[in-house]
Each structure stands twice: as structure tokens, then as C-alpha cells.
Amino acid sequence: MKLIIAVLRDEDNEQVSQALIDAGFGVTRIASTGGFLRSGVATLLIGVEDGDVDAAINVLRNNLSEAKPGEKRATLFVVPVERYEQI
């Protein structure tokens, strides 16, 4: 299992979150501020099976708004999940 941490513009949060949910991915949004994108940001936590990482990233890529020249649309971190439990 992998955890995708996606830091994106706050304005893209609803569109991207809904697209991920529609594609069958679970999404948790956490409140965040920071300098990666130098404006309002949203941080999404997306837990995916190893084989679904590329599919989830494609959903993200296809649902982000256009960026200004030289501006990044999102920053993604893909990290392994050693253990996962729901209590």
C-alpha cells in the first residue's frame, strides 16, 4: 500500500477530491498552509494499493486547473505504508 500526499492549490480541491472519490479512491483533506505553491493550498491524503498509484496520479493530473507559466499545479509525495488499520 502507498500513501499519496498531494499539495495543490486550494481552488482545485473540490474538483480533484470529487474526481478521486468518483474513481473509487478514498481521500482525506487536511488544513494546511505553506510555501510550496506560495498561495492557498490544500493537502490531500490518498491511500492506494501499489498497483493503483499511477491511476490515482492520472486522476489528479487530469483534474487540476491550468497553471500560469513557470507555476506548478501540485506537488505529490508517494510513500510506502508499512501498516494500515481502521479502528
Protein backbone atom coordinates (compact mmCIF):
# COMPACT_ATOMS: atom_id res chain seq x y z
CA MET A 1 0.00 0.00 0.00
CA LYS A 2 1.09 3.58 -0.71
CA LEU A 3 0.08 6.97 0.60
CA ILE A 4 -0.04 9.82 -1.88
CA ILE A 5 0.31 13.20 -0.23
CA ALA A 6 -0.87 15.81 -2.71
CA VAL A 7 -0.30 19.50 -2.05
CA LEU A 8 -2.37 21.51 -4.51
CA ARG A 9 -3.98 24.89 -4.93
CA ASP A 10 -6.99 25.32 -2.70
CA GLU A 11 -9.11 26.26 -5.71
CA ASP A 12 -8.54 22.75 -7.17
CA ASN A 13 -9.51 20.89 -4.00
CA GLU A 14 -13.21 20.23 -4.72
CA GLN A 15 -12.76 19.17 -8.35
CA VAL A 16 -9.81 16.88 -7.61
CA SER A 17 -11.34 15.37 -4.45
CA GLN A 18 -14.62 14.58 -6.21
CA ALA A 19 -12.83 13.05 -9.20
CA LEU A 20 -10.77 10.82 -6.89
CA ILE A 21 -13.89 9.73 -4.99
CA ASP A 22 -15.73 9.05 -8.28
CA ALA A 23 -12.76 6.87 -9.35
CA GLY A 24 -13.06 4.84 -6.14
CA PHE A 25 -10.21 6.35 -4.14
CA GLY A 26 -10.56 7.41 -0.52
CA VAL A 27 -9.47 10.99 0.16
CA THR A 28 -8.81 12.89 3.37
CA ARG A 29 -8.22 16.64 3.24
CA ILE A 30 -6.21 18.28 5.96
CA ALA A 31 -5.97 22.00 6.54
CA SER A 32 -2.58 23.30 5.51
CA THR A 33 -0.57 26.36 4.69
CA GLY A 34 2.83 26.52 3.18
CA GLY A 35 5.25 27.82 0.63
CA PHE A 36 5.32 25.02 -1.97
CA LEU A 37 2.88 26.84 -4.20
CA ARG A 38 3.01 30.25 -2.47
CA SER A 39 -0.77 30.64 -2.22
CA GLY A 40 -3.73 28.93 -0.56
CA VAL A 41 -3.11 25.19 -0.55
CA ALA A 42 -4.98 22.00 0.22
CA THR A 43 -3.27 18.80 1.28
CA LEU A 44 -4.95 15.54 0.29
CA LEU A 45 -4.06 12.15 1.74
CA ILE A 46 -4.91 9.33 -0.67
CA GLY A 47 -4.36 5.71 0.36
CA VAL A 48 -3.95 3.40 -2.65
CA GLU A 49 -2.85 -0.12 -3.41
CA ASP A 50 0.59 -0.34 -5.03
CA GLY A 51 -0.86 -1.09 -8.46
CA ASP A 52 -3.22 1.91 -8.35
CA VAL A 53 -0.65 4.67 -7.80
CA ASP A 54 -0.42 5.64 -11.48
CA ALA A 55 -4.22 5.63 -11.87
CA ALA A 56 -4.64 7.95 -8.88
CA ILE A 57 -1.92 10.29 -10.17
CA ASN A 58 -3.63 10.39 -13.58
CA VAL A 59 -6.92 11.40 -11.92
CA LEU A 60 -5.04 14.18 -10.12
CA ARG A 61 -3.26 15.30 -13.30
CA ASN A 62 -6.47 15.35 -15.35
CA ASN A 63 -8.47 17.37 -12.82
CA LEU A 64 -6.08 20.17 -11.88
CA SER A 65 -6.70 23.59 -13.40
CA GLU A 66 -4.20 25.12 -15.81
CA ALA A 67 -1.11 26.71 -14.30
CA LYS A 68 0.48 30.01 -15.18
CA PRO A 69 3.85 29.75 -16.96
CA GLY A 70 6.51 28.59 -14.50
CA GLU A 71 3.90 27.66 -11.87
CA LYS A 72 3.46 24.09 -10.63
CA ARG A 73 -0.06 22.68 -10.36
CA ALA A 74 0.65 20.31 -7.47
CA THR A 75 3.40 18.60 -5.51
CA LEU A 76 2.99 14.86 -4.89
CA PHE A 77 4.76 12.58 -2.46
CA VAL A 78 4.28 8.81 -2.75
CA VAL A 79 5.35 6.99 0.39
CA PRO A 80 5.11 3.33 1.41
CA VAL A 81 2.63 2.39 4.12
CA GLU A 82 4.06 -0.21 6.43
CA ARG A 83 0.86 -0.74 8.40
CA TYR A 84 -2.76 0.30 7.95
CA GLU A 85 -5.62 -0.12 10.43
CA GLN A 86 -9.08 1.30 10.90
CA ILE A 87 -10.33 1.32 14.46
